[in-house]
Amino acid sequence: MQATAYTYDPESRSGQVLLDDGTPVPFDTAAFDAGGLRLLRPGQRVRIETEGRSEGLRITLVTLQTF
């Protein structure tokens, strides 16, 4: 799934992405670290992996979108 980086806190290595429908979804340190990134800037296009649905949607991986 693709999303856009919305917020990112470099100290906690967590933040939020916006899904294509505009829904903000938070990600935690584990999801950020799983992607191997060192930095994330708002507006960057990212690829995410998730588990669960609706209210229980949880991001398990955040990495840069590559073509």
PDB file of N, CA and C in Angstrom:
ATOM      1  N   MET A   1       0.855  -1.163   0.000  1.00  0.00           N
ATOM      2  CA  MET A   1       0.000   0.000   0.000  1.00  0.00           C
ATOM      3  C   MET A   1       0.908   1.236   0.000  1.00  0.00           C
ATOM      4  N   GLN A   2       0.443   2.300  -0.621  1.00  0.00           N
ATOM      5  CA  GLN A   2       1.205   3.539  -0.657  1.00  0.00           C
ATOM      6  C   GLN A   2       0.546   4.596   0.222  1.00  0.00           C
ATOM      7  N   ALA A   3       1.363   5.529   0.680  1.00  0.00           N
ATOM      8  CA  ALA A   3       0.875   6.628   1.510  1.00  0.00           C
ATOM      9  C   ALA A   3       1.858   7.795   1.373  1.00  0.00           C
ATOM     10  N   THR A   4       1.554   8.891   2.041  1.00  0.00           N
ATOM     11  CA  THR A   4       2.420  10.066   2.046  1.00  0.00           C
ATOM     12  C   THR A   4       2.808  10.373   3.483  1.00  0.00           C
ATOM     13  N   ALA A   5       4.102  10.570   3.714  1.00  0.00           N
ATOM     14  CA  ALA A   5       4.568  10.922   5.061  1.00  0.00           C
ATOM     15  C   ALA A   5       3.907  12.236   5.472  1.00  0.00           C
ATOM     16  N   TYR A   6       3.371  12.263   6.670  1.00  0.00           N
ATOM     17  CA  TYR A   6       2.655  13.430   7.177  1.00  0.00           C
ATOM     18  C   TYR A   6       3.431  14.077   8.319  1.00  0.00           C
ATOM     19  N   THR A   7       3.776  13.301   9.333  1.00  0.00           N
ATOM     20  CA  THR A   7       4.592  13.802  10.433  1.00  0.00           C
ATOM     21  C   THR A   7       5.682  12.778  10.735  1.00  0.00           C
ATOM     22  N   TYR A   8       6.774  13.257  11.319  1.00  0.00           N
ATOM     23  CA  TYR A   8       7.848  12.366  11.725  1.00  0.00           C
ATOM     24  C   TYR A   8       8.628  13.019  12.862  1.00  0.00           C
ATOM     25  N   ASP A   9       8.834  12.278  13.946  1.00  0.00           N
ATOM     26  CA  ASP A   9       9.629  12.748  15.083  1.00  0.00           C
ATOM     27  C   ASP A   9      10.934  11.949  15.090  1.00  0.00           C
ATOM     28  N   PRO A  10      12.067  12.601  14.762  1.00  0.00           N
ATOM     29  CA  PRO A  10      13.336  11.872  14.695  1.00  0.00           C
ATOM     30  C   PRO A  10      13.799  11.310  16.034  1.00  0.00           C
ATOM     31  N   GLU A  11      13.378  11.893  17.139  1.00  0.00           N
ATOM     32  CA  GLU A  11      13.788  11.379  18.451  1.00  0.00           C
ATOM     33  C   GLU A  11      13.113  10.045  18.768  1.00  0.00           C
ATOM     34  N   SER A  12      11.827   9.950  18.492  1.00  0.00           N
ATOM     35  CA  SER A  12      11.108   8.701  18.785  1.00  0.00           C
ATOM     36  C   SER A  12      11.039   7.776  17.564  1.00  0.00           C
ATOM     37  N   ARG A  13      11.413   8.296  16.382  1.00  0.00           N
ATOM     38  CA  ARG A  13      11.344   7.565  15.115  1.00  0.00           C
ATOM     39  C   ARG A  13       9.931   7.042  14.859  1.00  0.00           C
ATOM     40  N   SER A  14       8.956   7.882  15.133  1.00  0.00           N
ATOM     41  CA  SER A  14       7.554   7.542  14.899  1.00  0.00           C
ATOM     42  C   SER A  14       6.860   8.735  14.258  1.00  0.00           C
ATOM     43  N   GLY A  15       5.649   8.534  13.771  1.00  0.00           N
ATOM     44  CA  GLY A  15       4.917   9.628  13.147  1.00  0.00           C
ATOM     45  C   GLY A  15       3.603   9.165  12.575  1.00  0.00           C
ATOM     46  N   GLN A  16       3.184   9.840  11.495  1.00  0.00           N
ATOM     47  CA  GLN A  16       1.934   9.507  10.835  1.00  0.00           C
ATOM     48  C   GLN A  16       2.122   9.577   9.331  1.00  0.00           C
ATOM     49  N   VAL A  17       1.328   8.781   8.628  1.00  0.00           N
ATOM     50  CA  VAL A  17       1.229   8.888   7.179  1.00  0.00           C
ATOM     51  C   VAL A  17      -0.211   9.224   6.833  1.00  0.00           C
ATOM     52  N   LEU A  18      -0.411   9.736   5.635  1.00  0.00           N
ATOM     53  CA  LEU A  18      -1.755   9.961   5.120  1.00  0.00           C
ATOM     54  C   LEU A  18      -2.012   8.934   4.030  1.00  0.00           C
ATOM     55  N   LEU A  19      -3.084   8.184   4.186  1.00  0.00           N
ATOM     56  CA  LEU A  19      -3.489   7.281   3.125  1.00  0.00           C
ATOM     57  C   LEU A  19      -4.004   8.109   1.952  1.00  0.00           C
ATOM     58  N   ASP A  20      -4.167   7.499   0.807  1.00  0.00           N
ATOM     59  CA  ASP A  20      -4.609   8.242  -0.371  1.00  0.00           C
ATOM     60  C   ASP A  20      -5.984   8.868  -0.213  1.00  0.00           C
ATOM     61  N   ASP A  21      -6.795   8.352   0.706  1.00  0.00           N
ATOM     62  CA  ASP A  21      -8.109   8.960   0.956  1.00  0.00           C
ATOM     63  C   ASP A  21      -8.037  10.074   2.009  1.00  0.00           C
ATOM     64  N   GLY A  22      -6.826  10.402   2.474  1.00  0.00           N
ATOM     65  CA  GLY A  22      -6.631  11.481   3.440  1.00  0.00           C
ATOM     66  C   GLY A  22      -6.674  11.041   4.889  1.00  0.00           C
ATOM     67  N   THR A  23      -6.850   9.776   5.152  1.00  0.00           N
ATOM     68  CA  THR A  23      -6.909   9.264   6.521  1.00  0.00           C
ATOM     69  C   THR A  23      -5.519   9.208   7.133  1.00  0.00           C
ATOM     70  N   PRO A  24      -5.298   9.872   8.289  1.00  0.00           N
ATOM     71  CA  PRO A  24      -4.001   9.767   8.957  1.00  0.00           C
ATOM     72  C   PRO A  24      -3.909   8.456   9.731  1.00  0.00           C
ATOM     73  N   VAL A  25      -2.756   7.797   9.617  1.00  0.00           N
ATOM     74  CA  VAL A  25      -2.525   6.541  10.335  1.00  0.00           C
ATOM     75  C   VAL A  25      -1.149   6.646  11.003  1.00  0.00           C
ATOM     76  N   PRO A  26      -1.080   6.432  12.313  1.00  0.00           N
ATOM     77  CA  PRO A  26       0.209   6.524  13.004  1.00  0.00           C
ATOM     78  C   PRO A  26       1.073   5.290  12.765  1.00  0.00           C
ATOM     79  N   PHE A  27       2.383   5.498  12.846  1.00  0.00           N
ATOM     80  CA  PHE A  27       3.320   4.369  12.847  1.00  0.00           C
ATOM     81  C   PHE A  27       4.244   4.519  14.035  1.00  0.00           C
ATOM     82  N   ASP A  28       4.694   3.387  14.579  1.00  0.00           N
ATOM     83  CA  ASP A  28       5.562   3.414  15.747  1.00  0.00           C
ATOM     84  C   ASP A  28       7.019   3.173  15.353  1.00  0.00           C
ATOM     85  N   THR A  29       7.878   3.194  16.342  1.00  0.00           N
ATOM     86  CA  THR A  29       9.312   3.012  16.125  1.00  0.00           C
ATOM     87  C   THR A  29       9.628   1.690  15.443  1.00  0.00           C
ATOM     88  N   ALA A  30       8.941   0.620  15.845  1.00  0.00           N
ATOM     89  CA  ALA A  30       9.199  -0.700  15.262  1.00  0.00           C
ATOM     90  C   ALA A  30       8.909  -0.707  13.763  1.00  0.00           C
ATOM     91  N   ALA A  31       7.824  -0.068  13.337  1.00  0.00           N
ATOM     92  CA  ALA A  31       7.475  -0.019  11.911  1.00  0.00           C
ATOM     93  C   ALA A  31       8.500   0.797  11.133  1.00  0.00           C
ATOM     94  N   PHE A  32       8.955   1.899  11.714  1.00  0.00           N
ATOM     95  CA  PHE A  32       9.969   2.728  11.050  1.00  0.00           C
ATOM     96  C   PHE A  32      11.281   1.962  10.942  1.00  0.00           C
ATOM     97  N   ASP A  33      11.723   1.347  12.023  1.00  0.00           N
ATOM     98  CA  ASP A  33      12.985   0.602  12.027  1.00  0.00           C
ATOM     99  C   ASP A  33      12.951  -0.598  11.083  1.00  0.00           C
ATOM    100  N   ALA A  34      11.785  -1.222  10.920  1.00  0.00           N
ATOM    101  CA  ALA A  34      11.662  -2.383  10.028  1.00  0.00           C
ATOM    102  C   ALA A  34      11.957  -2.016   8.581  1.00  0.00           C
ATOM    103  N   GLY A  35      11.722  -0.754   8.215  1.00  0.00           N
ATOM    104  CA  GLY A  35      11.956  -0.309   6.846  1.00  0.00           C
ATOM    105  C   GLY A  35      13.393   0.076   6.560  1.00  0.00           C
ATOM    106  N   GLY A  36      14.222   0.173   7.588  1.00  0.00           N
ATOM    107  CA  GLY A  36      15.625   0.504   7.392  1.00  0.00           C
ATOM    108  C   GLY A  36      15.902   1.957   7.049  1.00  0.00           C
ATOM    109  N   LEU A  37      14.939   2.823   7.258  1.00  0.00           N
ATOM    110  CA  LEU A  37      15.144   4.248   6.959  1.00  0.00           C
ATOM    111  C   LEU A  37      15.922   4.934   8.070  1.00  0.00           C
ATOM    112  N   ARG A  38      16.558   6.039   7.725  1.00  0.00           N
ATOM    113  CA  ARG A  38      17.244   6.850   8.737  1.00  0.00           C
ATOM    114  C   ARG A  38      16.531   8.166   8.967  1.00  0.00           C
ATOM    115  N   LEU A  39      15.709   8.586   8.004  1.00  0.00           N
ATOM    116  CA  LEU A  39      15.074   9.901   8.037  1.00  0.00           C
ATOM    117  C   LEU A  39      13.818   9.846   7.183  1.00  0.00           C
ATOM    118  N   LEU A  40      12.856  10.668   7.514  1.00  0.00           N
ATOM    119  CA  LEU A  40      11.631  10.764   6.737  1.00  0.00           C
ATOM    120  C   LEU A  40      11.172  12.213   6.744  1.00  0.00           C
ATOM    121  N   ARG A  41      10.857  12.736   5.572  1.00  0.00           N
ATOM    122  CA  ARG A  41      10.404  14.119   5.455  1.00  0.00           C
ATOM    123  C   ARG A  41       8.931  14.156   5.070  1.00  0.00           C
ATOM    124  N   PRO A  42       8.161  15.067   5.676  1.00  0.00           N
ATOM    125  CA  PRO A  42       6.751  15.203   5.278  1.00  0.00           C
ATOM    126  C   PRO A  42       6.653  15.430   3.769  1.00  0.00           C
ATOM    127  N   GLY A  43       5.694  14.749   3.174  1.00  0.00           N
ATOM    128  CA  GLY A  43       5.484  14.862   1.737  1.00  0.00           C
ATOM    129  C   GLY A  43       6.118  13.748   0.924  1.00  0.00           C
ATOM    130  N   GLN A  44       7.031  12.993   1.535  1.00  0.00           N
ATOM    131  CA  GLN A  44       7.642  11.877   0.822  1.00  0.00           C
ATOM    132  C   GLN A  44       6.620  10.775   0.600  1.00  0.00           C
ATOM    133  N   ARG A  45       6.696  10.172  -0.561  1.00  0.00           N
ATOM    134  CA  ARG A  45       5.829   9.038  -0.864  1.00  0.00           C
ATOM    135  C   ARG A  45       6.467   7.801  -0.257  1.00  0.00           C
ATOM    136  N   VAL A  46       5.682   7.024   0.479  1.00  0.00           N
ATOM    137  CA  VAL A  46       6.203   5.842   1.154  1.00  0.00           C
ATOM    138  C   VAL A  46       5.352   4.620   0.819  1.00  0.00           C
ATOM    139  N   ARG A  47       5.956   3.459   1.024  1.00  0.00           N
ATOM    140  CA  ARG A  47       5.238   2.195   0.927  1.00  0.00           C
ATOM    141  C   ARG A  47       5.060   1.704   2.349  1.00  0.00           C
ATOM    142  N   ILE A  48       3.858   1.252   2.668  1.00  0.00           N
ATOM    143  CA  ILE A  48       3.604   0.744   4.012  1.00  0.00           C
ATOM    144  C   ILE A  48       3.017  -0.661   3.925  1.00  0.00           C
ATOM    145  N   GLU A  49       3.268  -1.427   4.950  1.00  0.00           N
ATOM    146  CA  GLU A  49       2.595  -2.703   5.130  1.00  0.00           C
ATOM    147  C   GLU A  49       1.788  -2.577   6.410  1.00  0.00           C
ATOM    148  N   THR A  50       0.597  -3.149   6.402  1.00  0.00           N
ATOM    149  CA  THR A  50      -0.316  -2.999   7.531  1.00  0.00           C
ATOM    150  C   THR A  50      -0.892  -4.349   7.940  1.00  0.00           C
ATOM    151  N   GLU A  51      -1.499  -4.340   9.112  1.00  0.00           N
ATOM    152  CA  GLU A  51      -2.304  -5.473   9.559  1.00  0.00           C
ATOM    153  C   GLU A  51      -3.522  -4.911  10.260  1.00  0.00           C
ATOM    154  N   GLY A  52      -4.593  -5.679  10.243  1.00  0.00           N
ATOM    155  CA  GLY A  52      -5.847  -5.222  10.834  1.00  0.00           C
ATOM    156  C   GLY A  52      -6.655  -4.409   9.836  1.00  0.00           C
ATOM    157  N   ARG A  53      -7.780  -3.902  10.319  1.00  0.00           N
ATOM    158  CA  ARG A  53      -8.691  -3.113   9.476  1.00  0.00           C
ATOM    159  C   ARG A  53      -9.307  -1.982  10.289  1.00  0.00           C
ATOM    160  N   SER A  54      -9.779  -0.982   9.576  1.00  0.00           N
ATOM    161  CA  SER A  54     -10.504   0.158  10.146  1.00  0.00           C
ATOM    162  C   SER A  54      -9.811   0.715  11.388  1.00  0.00           C
ATOM    163  N   GLU A  55     -10.514   0.688  12.523  1.00  0.00           N
ATOM    164  CA  GLU A  55      -9.971   1.247  13.767  1.00  0.00           C
ATOM    165  C   GLU A  55      -8.736   0.488  14.254  1.00  0.00           C
ATOM    166  N   GLY A  56      -8.624  -0.784  13.888  1.00  0.00           N
ATOM    167  CA  GLY A  56      -7.502  -1.607  14.325  1.00  0.00           C
ATOM    168  C   GLY A  56      -6.337  -1.637  13.352  1.00  0.00           C
ATOM    169  N   LEU A  57      -6.374  -0.784  12.307  1.00  0.00           N
ATOM    170  CA  LEU A  57      -5.302  -0.757  11.315  1.00  0.00           C
ATOM    171  C   LEU A  57      -3.995  -0.352  11.973  1.00  0.00           C
ATOM    172  N   ARG A  58      -2.957  -1.157  11.753  1.00  0.00           N
ATOM    173  CA  ARG A  58      -1.652  -0.891  12.338  1.00  0.00           C
ATOM    174  C   ARG A  58      -0.590  -1.033  11.259  1.00  0.00           C
ATOM    175  N   ILE A  59       0.301  -0.051  11.181  1.00  0.00           N
ATOM    176  CA  ILE A  59       1.403  -0.091  10.219  1.00  0.00           C
ATOM    177  C   ILE A  59       2.530  -0.927  10.804  1.00  0.00           C
ATOM    178  N   THR A  60       3.019  -1.873  10.016  1.00  0.00           N
ATOM    179  CA  THR A  60       4.108  -2.757  10.470  1.00  0.00           C
ATOM    180  C   THR A  60       5.424  -2.451   9.768  1.00  0.00           C
ATOM    181  N   LEU A  61       5.398  -1.671   8.681  1.00  0.00           N
ATOM    182  CA  LEU A  61       6.610  -1.351   7.935  1.00  0.00           C
ATOM    183  C   LEU A  61       6.408  -0.046   7.186  1.00  0.00           C
ATOM    184  N   VAL A  62       7.413   0.815   7.235  1.00  0.00           N
ATOM    185  CA  VAL A  62       7.430   2.059   6.451  1.00  0.00           C
ATOM    186  C   VAL A  62       8.746   2.083   5.691  1.00  0.00           C
ATOM    187  N   THR A  63       8.674   2.230   4.375  1.00  0.00           N
ATOM    188  CA  THR A  63       9.889   2.355   3.565  1.00  0.00           C
ATOM    189  C   THR A  63       9.595   3.307   2.407  1.00  0.00           C
ATOM    190  N   LEU A  64      10.633   3.732   1.709  1.00  0.00           N
ATOM    191  CA  LEU A  64      10.432   4.647   0.596  1.00  0.00           C
ATOM    192  C   LEU A  64       9.813   3.924  -0.591  1.00  0.00           C
ATOM    193  N   GLN A  65       8.949   4.620  -1.287  1.00  0.00           N
ATOM    194  CA  GLN A  65       8.338   4.062  -2.497  1.00  0.00           C
ATOM    195  C   GLN A  65       9.361   4.135  -3.620  1.00  0.00           C
ATOM    196  N   THR A  66       9.623   3.017  -4.251  1.00  0.00           N
ATOM    197  CA  THR A  66      10.527   2.990  -5.406  1.00  0.00           C
ATOM    198  C   THR A  66       9.764   2.484  -6.605  1.00  0.00           C
ATOM    199  N   PHE A  67      10.187   2.935  -7.757  1.00  0.00           N
ATOM    200  CA  PHE A  67       9.482   2.568  -8.993  1.00  0.00           C
ATOM    201  C   PHE A  67      10.317   1.631  -9.812  1.00  0.00           C
TER     202      PHE A  67
END
